Amino acid sequence: MFILSLTYKVDLTEVDRHLETHIAWLKAGYEAGLILASGRKNPRSGGVILARGDRLQIGALIAADPFSLYGIADYSITDFTATMTAPGLEALME
């Protein structure tokens, strides 16, 4: 599993201009089974995505994000292996 941490590089008005296409990209990632969870940071300085796949798939996923394509956000990638979970979240250990 990967923890993708996005940090905005531009003003929120520019983020909002690309938000609709970013959300469409997120939905495609969910449909492909690559994205497990996503949401914004509080305060709104970026976002966090939990994703699964291999490094090549994650790299291609990020490269296709409008936030990456248009220089809206930087990505930090953490490869993470869940060894324990709360009840109901056991699928995260796959």
PDB file of N, CA and C in Angstrom:
ATOM      1  N   MET A   1       0.851  -1.158   0.000  1.00  0.00           N
ATOM      2  CA  MET A   1       0.000   0.000   0.000  1.00  0.00           C
ATOM      3  C   MET A   1       0.902   1.227   0.000  1.00  0.00           C
ATOM      4  N   PHE A   2       0.353   2.301  -0.535  1.00  0.00           N
ATOM      5  CA  PHE A   2       1.105   3.548  -0.597  1.00  0.00           C
ATOM      6  C   PHE A   2       0.291   4.670   0.021  1.00  0.00           C
ATOM      7  N   ILE A   3       0.980   5.526   0.750  1.00  0.00           N
ATOM      8  CA  ILE A   3       0.386   6.756   1.252  1.00  0.00           C
ATOM      9  C   ILE A   3       0.920   7.865   0.356  1.00  0.00           C
ATOM     10  N   LEU A   4       0.018   8.515  -0.365  1.00  0.00           N
ATOM     11  CA  LEU A   4       0.389   9.620  -1.250  1.00  0.00           C
ATOM     12  C   LEU A   4      -0.029  10.909  -0.566  1.00  0.00           C
ATOM     13  N   SER A   5       0.935  11.751  -0.277  1.00  0.00           N
ATOM     14  CA  SER A   5       0.660  13.026   0.367  1.00  0.00           C
ATOM     15  C   SER A   5       0.871  14.143  -0.646  1.00  0.00           C
ATOM     16  N   LEU A   6      -0.187  14.889  -0.921  1.00  0.00           N
ATOM     17  CA  LEU A   6      -0.111  15.997  -1.871  1.00  0.00           C
ATOM     18  C   LEU A   6       0.031  17.296  -1.100  1.00  0.00           C
ATOM     19  N   THR A   7       0.905  18.176  -1.573  1.00  0.00           N
ATOM     20  CA  THR A   7       1.063  19.502  -1.003  1.00  0.00           C
ATOM     21  C   THR A   7       0.880  20.512  -2.128  1.00  0.00           C
ATOM     22  N   TYR A   8      -0.093  21.403  -1.947  1.00  0.00           N
ATOM     23  CA  TYR A   8      -0.361  22.406  -2.980  1.00  0.00           C
ATOM     24  C   TYR A   8       0.814  23.360  -3.140  1.00  0.00           C
ATOM     25  N   LYS A   9       1.088  23.715  -4.396  1.00  0.00           N
ATOM     26  CA  LYS A   9       2.164  24.650  -4.728  1.00  0.00           C
ATOM     27  C   LYS A   9       1.611  25.986  -5.199  1.00  0.00           C
ATOM     28  N   VAL A  10       0.292  26.071  -5.348  1.00  0.00           N
ATOM     29  CA  VAL A  10      -0.344  27.260  -5.897  1.00  0.00           C
ATOM     30  C   VAL A  10      -1.467  27.704  -4.966  1.00  0.00           C
ATOM     31  N   ASP A  11      -2.005  28.880  -5.240  1.00  0.00           N
ATOM     32  CA  ASP A  11      -3.121  29.435  -4.494  1.00  0.00           C
ATOM     33  C   ASP A  11      -4.360  28.545  -4.646  1.00  0.00           C
ATOM     34  N   LEU A  12      -5.222  28.538  -3.643  1.00  0.00           N
ATOM     35  CA  LEU A  12      -6.414  27.696  -3.675  1.00  0.00           C
ATOM     36  C   LEU A  12      -7.351  28.023  -4.839  1.00  0.00           C
ATOM     37  N   THR A  13      -7.327  29.241  -5.332  1.00  0.00           N
ATOM     38  CA  THR A  13      -8.169  29.551  -6.494  1.00  0.00           C
ATOM     39  C   THR A  13      -7.715  28.746  -7.705  1.00  0.00           C
ATOM     40  N   GLU A  14      -6.412  28.536  -7.845  1.00  0.00           N
ATOM     41  CA  GLU A  14      -5.884  27.714  -8.935  1.00  0.00           C
ATOM     42  C   GLU A  14      -6.186  26.235  -8.682  1.00  0.00           C
ATOM     43  N   VAL A  15      -6.103  25.799  -7.438  1.00  0.00           N
ATOM     44  CA  VAL A  15      -6.473  24.426  -7.086  1.00  0.00           C
ATOM     45  C   VAL A  15      -7.922  24.180  -7.500  1.00  0.00           C
ATOM     46  N   ASP A  16      -8.804  25.095  -7.132  1.00  0.00           N
ATOM     47  CA  ASP A  16     -10.229  24.943  -7.415  1.00  0.00           C
ATOM     48  C   ASP A  16     -10.525  24.901  -8.917  1.00  0.00           C
ATOM     49  N   ARG A  17      -9.714  25.580  -9.721  1.00  0.00           N
ATOM     50  CA  ARG A  17      -9.908  25.545 -11.174  1.00  0.00           C
ATOM     51  C   ARG A  17      -9.726  24.135 -11.739  1.00  0.00           C
ATOM     52  N   HIS A  18      -8.912  23.324 -11.091  1.00  0.00           N
ATOM     53  CA  HIS A  18      -8.601  21.973 -11.566  1.00  0.00           C
ATOM     54  C   HIS A  18      -9.266  20.882 -10.727  1.00  0.00           C
ATOM     55  N   LEU A  19     -10.060  21.271  -9.742  1.00  0.00           N
ATOM     56  CA  LEU A  19     -10.629  20.306  -8.804  1.00  0.00           C
ATOM     57  C   LEU A  19     -11.575  19.311  -9.483  1.00  0.00           C
ATOM     58  N   GLU A  20     -12.407  19.760 -10.397  1.00  0.00           N
ATOM     59  CA  GLU A  20     -13.357  18.865 -11.062  1.00  0.00           C
ATOM     60  C   GLU A  20     -12.635  17.751 -11.825  1.00  0.00           C
ATOM     61  N   THR A  21     -11.571  18.100 -12.546  1.00  0.00           N
ATOM     62  CA  THR A  21     -10.834  17.071 -13.293  1.00  0.00           C
ATOM     63  C   THR A  21     -10.038  16.170 -12.353  1.00  0.00           C
ATOM     64  N   HIS A  22      -9.564  16.717 -11.239  1.00  0.00           N
ATOM     65  CA  HIS A  22      -8.876  15.908 -10.230  1.00  0.00           C
ATOM     66  C   HIS A  22      -9.844  14.882  -9.632  1.00  0.00           C
ATOM     67  N   ILE A  23     -11.061  15.312  -9.343  1.00  0.00           N
ATOM     68  CA  ILE A  23     -12.061  14.398  -8.781  1.00  0.00           C
ATOM     69  C   ILE A  23     -12.411  13.304  -9.788  1.00  0.00           C
ATOM     70  N   ALA A  24     -12.519  13.652 -11.063  1.00  0.00           N
ATOM     71  CA  ALA A  24     -12.771  12.636 -12.096  1.00  0.00           C
ATOM     72  C   ALA A  24     -11.623  11.632 -12.137  1.00  0.00           C
ATOM     73  N   TRP A  25     -10.388  12.118 -11.995  1.00  0.00           N
ATOM     74  CA  TRP A  25      -9.210  11.244 -11.949  1.00  0.00           C
ATOM     75  C   TRP A  25      -9.271  10.325 -10.732  1.00  0.00           C
ATOM     76  N   LEU A  26      -9.661  10.875  -9.568  1.00  0.00           N
ATOM     77  CA  LEU A  26      -9.807  10.055  -8.366  1.00  0.00           C
ATOM     78  C   LEU A  26     -10.824   8.939  -8.597  1.00  0.00           C
ATOM     79  N   LYS A  27     -11.983   9.286  -9.162  1.00  0.00           N
ATOM     80  CA  LYS A  27     -13.030   8.293  -9.413  1.00  0.00           C
ATOM     81  C   LYS A  27     -12.527   7.183 -10.327  1.00  0.00           C
ATOM     82  N   ALA A  28     -11.746   7.539 -11.335  1.00  0.00           N
ATOM     83  CA  ALA A  28     -11.169   6.524 -12.230  1.00  0.00           C
ATOM     84  C   ALA A  28     -10.206   5.626 -11.457  1.00  0.00           C
ATOM     85  N   GLY A  29      -9.453   6.196 -10.529  1.00  0.00           N
ATOM     86  CA  GLY A  29      -8.541   5.405  -9.698  1.00  0.00           C
ATOM     87  C   GLY A  29      -9.275   4.440  -8.792  1.00  0.00           C
ATOM     88  N   TYR A  30     -10.419   4.882  -8.254  1.00  0.00           N
ATOM     89  CA  TYR A  30     -11.252   3.979  -7.452  1.00  0.00           C
ATOM     90  C   TYR A  30     -11.783   2.846  -8.320  1.00  0.00           C
ATOM     91  N   GLU A  31     -12.289   3.185  -9.497  1.00  0.00           N
ATOM     92  CA  GLU A  31     -12.850   2.170 -10.398  1.00  0.00           C
ATOM     93  C   GLU A  31     -11.794   1.153 -10.829  1.00  0.00           C
ATOM     94  N   ALA A  32     -10.561   1.593 -10.973  1.00  0.00           N
ATOM     95  CA  ALA A  32      -9.464   0.695 -11.358  1.00  0.00           C
ATOM     96  C   ALA A  32      -8.964  -0.137 -10.176  1.00  0.00           C
ATOM     97  N   GLY A  33      -9.447   0.153  -8.983  1.00  0.00           N
ATOM     98  CA  GLY A  33      -9.026  -0.587  -7.800  1.00  0.00           C
ATOM     99  C   GLY A  33      -7.692  -0.137  -7.235  1.00  0.00           C
ATOM    100  N   LEU A  34      -7.185   1.009  -7.692  1.00  0.00           N
ATOM    101  CA  LEU A  34      -5.894   1.499  -7.214  1.00  0.00           C
ATOM    102  C   LEU A  34      -6.027   2.406  -5.996  1.00  0.00           C
ATOM    103  N   ILE A  35      -7.073   3.205  -5.945  1.00  0.00           N
ATOM    104  CA  ILE A  35      -7.261   4.144  -4.835  1.00  0.00           C
ATOM    105  C   ILE A  35      -8.228   3.535  -3.835  1.00  0.00           C
ATOM    106  N   LEU A  36      -7.827   3.551  -2.562  1.00  0.00           N
ATOM    107  CA  LEU A  36      -8.628   2.980  -1.476  1.00  0.00           C
ATOM    108  C   LEU A  36      -9.348   4.042  -0.660  1.00  0.00           C
ATOM    109  N   ALA A  37      -8.738   5.204  -0.511  1.00  0.00           N
ATOM    110  CA  ALA A  37      -9.310   6.304   0.265  1.00  0.00           C
ATOM    111  C   ALA A  37      -8.619   7.594  -0.153  1.00  0.00           C
ATOM    112  N   SER A  38      -9.334   8.705  -0.016  1.00  0.00           N
ATOM    113  CA  SER A  38      -8.743   9.998  -0.360  1.00  0.00           C
ATOM    114  C   SER A  38      -9.463  11.103   0.396  1.00  0.00           C
ATOM    115  N   GLY A  39      -8.779  12.204   0.580  1.00  0.00           N
ATOM    116  CA  GLY A  39      -9.389  13.355   1.237  1.00  0.00           C
ATOM    117  C   GLY A  39      -8.409  14.497   1.359  1.00  0.00           C
ATOM    118  N   ARG A  40      -8.941  15.638   1.766  1.00  0.00           N
ATOM    119  CA  ARG A  40      -8.088  16.826   1.884  1.00  0.00           C
ATOM    120  C   ARG A  40      -7.472  16.931   3.271  1.00  0.00           C
ATOM    121  N   LYS A  41      -6.341  17.616   3.321  1.00  0.00           N
ATOM    122  CA  LYS A  41      -5.689  17.905   4.598  1.00  0.00           C
ATOM    123  C   LYS A  41      -6.439  19.065   5.252  1.00  0.00           C
ATOM    124  N   ASN A  42      -6.363  19.101   6.591  1.00  0.00           N
ATOM    125  CA  ASN A  42      -6.943  20.203   7.347  1.00  0.00           C
ATOM    126  C   ASN A  42      -5.850  20.818   8.198  1.00  0.00           C
ATOM    127  N   PRO A  43      -5.481  22.079   7.983  1.00  0.00           N
ATOM    128  CA  PRO A  43      -6.085  23.013   7.032  1.00  0.00           C
ATOM    129  C   PRO A  43      -5.812  22.593   5.589  1.00  0.00           C
ATOM    130  N   ARG A  44      -6.517  23.198   4.661  1.00  0.00           N
ATOM    131  CA  ARG A  44      -6.502  22.795   3.252  1.00  0.00           C
ATOM    132  C   ARG A  44      -5.196  23.187   2.556  1.00  0.00           C
ATOM    133  N   SER A  45      -4.187  22.365   2.778  1.00  0.00           N
ATOM    134  CA  SER A  45      -2.864  22.604   2.186  1.00  0.00           C
ATOM    135  C   SER A  45      -2.487  21.522   1.184  1.00  0.00           C
ATOM    136  N   GLY A  46      -3.408  20.564   0.972  1.00  0.00           N
ATOM    137  CA  GLY A  46      -3.141  19.443   0.075  1.00  0.00           C
ATOM    138  C   GLY A  46      -4.101  18.322   0.377  1.00  0.00           C
ATOM    139  N   GLY A  47      -3.676  17.096   0.107  1.00  0.00           N
ATOM    140  CA  GLY A  47      -4.539  15.946   0.337  1.00  0.00           C
ATOM    141  C   GLY A  47      -3.741  14.699   0.620  1.00  0.00           C
ATOM    142  N   VAL A  48      -4.461  13.625   0.949  1.00  0.00           N
ATOM    143  CA  VAL A  48      -3.849  12.332   1.222  1.00  0.00           C
ATOM    144  C   VAL A  48      -4.642  11.275   0.476  1.00  0.00           C
ATOM    145  N   ILE A  49      -3.929  10.339  -0.144  1.00  0.00           N
ATOM    146  CA  ILE A  49      -4.547   9.231  -0.868  1.00  0.00           C
ATOM    147  C   ILE A  49      -3.907   7.935  -0.385  1.00  0.00           C
ATOM    148  N   LEU A  50      -4.737   6.943  -0.072  1.00  0.00           N
ATOM    149  CA  LEU A  50      -4.245   5.588   0.182  1.00  0.00           C
ATOM    150  C   LEU A  50      -4.444   4.822  -1.113  1.00  0.00           C
ATOM    151  N   ALA A  51      -3.382   4.226  -1.612  1.00  0.00           N
ATOM    152  CA  ALA A  51      -3.440   3.533  -2.900  1.00  0.00           C
ATOM    153  C   ALA A  51      -2.748   2.189  -2.804  1.00  0.00           C
ATOM    154  N   ARG A  52      -3.096   1.299  -3.727  1.00  0.00           N
ATOM    155  CA  ARG A  52      -2.424   0.004  -3.788  1.00  0.00           C
ATOM    156  C   ARG A  52      -2.012  -0.254  -5.231  1.00  0.00           C
ATOM    157  N   GLY A  53      -1.034  -1.136  -5.365  1.00  0.00           N
ATOM    158  CA  GLY A  53      -0.471  -1.454  -6.668  1.00  0.00           C
ATOM    159  C   GLY A  53       1.029  -1.549  -6.514  1.00  0.00           C
ATOM    160  N   ASP A  54       1.727  -1.581  -7.626  1.00  0.00           N
ATOM    161  CA  ASP A  54       3.185  -1.576  -7.556  1.00  0.00           C
ATOM    162  C   ASP A  54       3.696  -0.168  -7.883  1.00  0.00           C
ATOM    163  N   ARG A  55       4.989   0.017  -7.744  1.00  0.00           N
ATOM    164  CA  ARG A  55       5.588   1.348  -7.949  1.00  0.00           C
ATOM    165  C   ARG A  55       5.292   1.909  -9.342  1.00  0.00           C
ATOM    166  N   LEU A  56       5.329   1.052 -10.365  1.00  0.00           N
ATOM    167  CA  LEU A  56       5.045   1.515 -11.722  1.00  0.00           C
ATOM    168  C   LEU A  56       3.609   1.989 -11.853  1.00  0.00           C
ATOM    169  N   GLN A  57       2.668   1.241 -11.281  1.00  0.00           N
ATOM    170  CA  GLN A  57       1.268   1.637 -11.337  1.00  0.00           C
ATOM    171  C   GLN A  57       1.042   2.952 -10.596  1.00  0.00           C
ATOM    172  N   ILE A  58       1.667   3.098  -9.448  1.00  0.00           N
ATOM    173  CA  ILE A  58       1.505   4.324  -8.659  1.00  0.00           C
ATOM    174  C   ILE A  58       2.125   5.516  -9.394  1.00  0.00           C
ATOM    175  N   GLY A  59       3.287   5.297 -10.009  1.00  0.00           N
ATOM    176  CA  GLY A  59       3.909   6.369 -10.793  1.00  0.00           C
ATOM    177  C   GLY A  59       3.036   6.808 -11.951  1.00  0.00           C
ATOM    178  N   ALA A  60       2.439   5.844 -12.641  1.00  0.00           N
ATOM    179  CA  ALA A  60       1.547   6.170 -13.757  1.00  0.00           C
ATOM    180  C   ALA A  60       0.283   6.852 -13.259  1.00  0.00           C
ATOM    181  N   LEU A  61      -0.231   6.410 -12.117  1.00  0.00           N
ATOM    182  CA  LEU A  61      -1.408   7.034 -11.525  1.00  0.00           C
ATOM    183  C   LEU A  61      -1.147   8.503 -11.235  1.00  0.00           C
ATOM    184  N   ILE A  62      -0.048   8.784 -10.567  1.00  0.00           N
ATOM    185  CA  ILE A  62       0.307  10.160 -10.214  1.00  0.00           C
ATOM    186  C   ILE A  62       0.536  11.003 -11.473  1.00  0.00           C
ATOM    187  N   ALA A  63       1.210  10.448 -12.446  1.00  0.00           N
ATOM    188  CA  ALA A  63       1.511  11.191 -13.679  1.00  0.00           C
ATOM    189  C   ALA A  63       0.239  11.616 -14.405  1.00  0.00           C
ATOM    190  N   ALA A  64      -0.844  10.867 -14.228  1.00  0.00           N
ATOM    191  CA  ALA A  64      -2.102  11.180 -14.909  1.00  0.00           C
ATOM    192  C   ALA A  64      -2.981  12.167 -14.137  1.00  0.00           C
ATOM    193  N   ASP A  65      -2.624  12.466 -12.906  1.00  0.00           N
ATOM    194  CA  ASP A  65      -3.419  13.397 -12.090  1.00  0.00           C
ATOM    195  C   ASP A  65      -3.282  14.816 -12.637  1.00  0.00           C
ATOM    196  N   PRO A  66      -4.407  15.505 -12.905  1.00  0.00           N
ATOM    197  CA  PRO A  66      -4.324  16.896 -13.346  1.00  0.00           C
ATOM    198  C   PRO A  66      -3.536  17.786 -12.377  1.00  0.00           C
ATOM    199  N   PHE A  67      -3.571  17.465 -11.083  1.00  0.00           N
ATOM    200  CA  PHE A  67      -2.791  18.246 -10.125  1.00  0.00           C
ATOM    201  C   PHE A  67      -1.298  18.083 -10.371  1.00  0.00           C
ATOM    202  N   SER A  68      -0.893  16.930 -10.864  1.00  0.00           N
ATOM    203  CA  SER A  68       0.504  16.697 -11.221  1.00  0.00           C
ATOM    204  C   SER A  68       0.809  17.293 -12.593  1.00  0.00           C
ATOM    205  N   LEU A  69      -0.082  17.040 -13.546  1.00  0.00           N
ATOM    206  CA  LEU A  69       0.118  17.528 -14.927  1.00  0.00           C
ATOM    207  C   LEU A  69       0.273  19.040 -15.009  1.00  0.00           C
ATOM    208  N   TYR A  70      -0.498  19.766 -14.201  1.00  0.00           N
ATOM    209  CA  TYR A  70      -0.511  21.227 -14.276  1.00  0.00           C
ATOM    210  C   TYR A  70       0.285  21.899 -13.163  1.00  0.00           C
ATOM    211  N   GLY A  71       1.084  21.118 -12.441  1.00  0.00           N
ATOM    212  CA  GLY A  71       1.957  21.707 -11.421  1.00  0.00           C
ATOM    213  C   GLY A  71       1.211  22.278 -10.230  1.00  0.00           C
ATOM    214  N   ILE A  72       0.059  21.703  -9.907  1.00  0.00           N
ATOM    215  CA  ILE A  72      -0.757  22.194  -8.797  1.00  0.00           C
ATOM    216  C   ILE A  72      -0.224  21.699  -7.451  1.00  0.00           C
ATOM    217  N   ALA A  73       0.269  20.459  -7.433  1.00  0.00           N
ATOM    218  CA  ALA A  73       0.698  19.857  -6.163  1.00  0.00           C
ATOM    219  C   ALA A  73       1.946  19.001  -6.362  1.00  0.00           C
ATOM    220  N   ASP A  74       2.738  18.934  -5.305  1.00  0.00           N
ATOM    221  CA  ASP A  74       3.852  17.991  -5.235  1.00  0.00           C
ATOM    222  C   ASP A  74       3.347  16.751  -4.516  1.00  0.00           C
ATOM    223  N   TYR A  75       3.899  15.597  -4.880  1.00  0.00           N
ATOM    224  CA  TYR A  75       3.542  14.324  -4.268  1.00  0.00           C
ATOM    225  C   TYR A  75       4.700  13.792  -3.442  1.00  0.00           C
ATOM    226  N   SER A  76       4.391  13.297  -2.257  1.00  0.00           N
ATOM    227  CA  SER A  76       5.318  12.519  -1.449  1.00  0.00           C
ATOM    228  C   SER A  76       4.737  11.107  -1.406  1.00  0.00           C
ATOM    229  N   ILE A  77       5.565  10.098  -1.672  1.00  0.00           N
ATOM    230  CA  ILE A  77       5.104   8.713  -1.737  1.00  0.00           C
ATOM    231  C   ILE A  77       5.760   7.909  -0.619  1.00  0.00           C
ATOM    232  N   THR A  78       4.932   7.252   0.195  1.00  0.00           N
ATOM    233  CA  THR A  78       5.423   6.377   1.252  1.00  0.00           C
ATOM    234  C   THR A  78       4.891   4.977   1.005  1.00  0.00           C
ATOM    235  N   ASP A  79       5.792   4.021   0.847  1.00  0.00           N
ATOM    236  CA  ASP A  79       5.423   2.616   0.715  1.00  0.00           C
ATOM    237  C   ASP A  79       5.169   2.105   2.128  1.00  0.00           C
ATOM    238  N   PHE A  80       3.998   1.506   2.341  1.00  0.00           N
ATOM    239  CA  PHE A  80       3.544   1.167   3.688  1.00  0.00           C
ATOM    240  C   PHE A  80       2.948  -0.238   3.696  1.00  0.00           C
ATOM    241  N   THR A  81       3.325  -1.052   4.674  1.00  0.00           N
ATOM    242  CA  THR A  81       2.742  -2.375   4.851  1.00  0.00           C
ATOM    243  C   THR A  81       1.968  -2.385   6.155  1.00  0.00           C
ATOM    244  N   ALA A  82       0.644  -2.508   6.051  1.00  0.00           N
ATOM    245  CA  ALA A  82      -0.189  -2.593   7.248  1.00  0.00           C
ATOM    246  C   ALA A  82      -0.040  -3.995   7.842  1.00  0.00           C
ATOM    247  N   THR A  83       0.317  -4.064   9.110  1.00  0.00           N
ATOM    248  CA  THR A  83       0.454  -5.353   9.783  1.00  0.00           C
ATOM    249  C   THR A  83      -0.645  -5.573  10.815  1.00  0.00           C
ATOM    250  N   MET A  84      -1.371  -4.503  11.166  1.00  0.00           N
ATOM    251  CA  MET A  84      -2.520  -4.587  12.059  1.00  0.00           C
ATOM    252  C   MET A  84      -3.548  -3.576  11.577  1.00  0.00           C
ATOM    253  N   THR A  85      -4.824  -3.909  11.783  1.00  0.00           N
ATOM    254  CA  THR A  85      -5.903  -2.971  11.439  1.00  0.00           C
ATOM    255  C   THR A  85      -7.029  -3.072  12.460  1.00  0.00           C
ATOM    256  N   ALA A  86      -7.893  -2.089  12.432  1.00  0.00           N
ATOM    257  CA  ALA A  86      -9.122  -2.154  13.209  1.00  0.00           C
ATOM    258  C   ALA A  86     -10.067  -3.148  12.535  1.00  0.00           C
ATOM    259  N   PRO A  87     -10.993  -3.714  13.288  1.00  0.00           N
ATOM    260  CA  PRO A  87     -11.957  -4.630  12.680  1.00  0.00           C
ATOM    261  C   PRO A  87     -12.665  -3.973  11.488  1.00  0.00           C
ATOM    262  N   GLY A  88     -12.792  -4.735  10.415  1.00  0.00           N
ATOM    263  CA  GLY A  88     -13.436  -4.240   9.204  1.00  0.00           C
ATOM    264  C   GLY A  88     -12.469  -3.690   8.171  1.00  0.00           C
ATOM    265  N   LEU A  89     -11.226  -3.477   8.573  1.00  0.00           N
ATOM    266  CA  LEU A  89     -10.231  -2.915   7.659  1.00  0.00           C
ATOM    267  C   LEU A  89      -9.157  -3.935   7.263  1.00  0.00           C
ATOM    268  N   GLU A  90      -9.426  -5.193   7.476  1.00  0.00           N
ATOM    269  CA  GLU A  90      -8.431  -6.256   7.208  1.00  0.00           C
ATOM    270  C   GLU A  90      -7.950  -6.266   5.758  1.00  0.00           C
ATOM    271  N   ALA A  91      -8.771  -5.821   4.823  1.00  0.00           N
ATOM    272  CA  ALA A  91      -8.373  -5.791   3.414  1.00  0.00           C
ATOM    273  C   ALA A  91      -7.158  -4.893   3.185  1.00  0.00           C
ATOM    274  N   LEU A  92      -6.890  -3.973   4.090  1.00  0.00           N
ATOM    275  CA  LEU A  92      -5.720  -3.101   3.945  1.00  0.00           C
ATOM    276  C   LEU A  92      -4.407  -3.852   4.145  1.00  0.00           C
ATOM    277  N   MET A  93      -4.482  -5.042   4.687  1.00  0.00           N
ATOM    278  CA  MET A  93      -3.273  -5.829   4.923  1.00  0.00           C
ATOM    279  C   MET A  93      -2.904  -6.695   3.719  1.00  0.00           C
ATOM    280  N   GLU A  94      -3.635  -6.609   2.643  1.00  0.00           N
ATOM    281  CA  GLU A  94      -3.346  -7.412   1.439  1.00  0.00           C
ATOM    282  C   GLU A  94      -2.111  -6.911   0.747  1.00  0.00           C
TER     283      GLU A  94
END
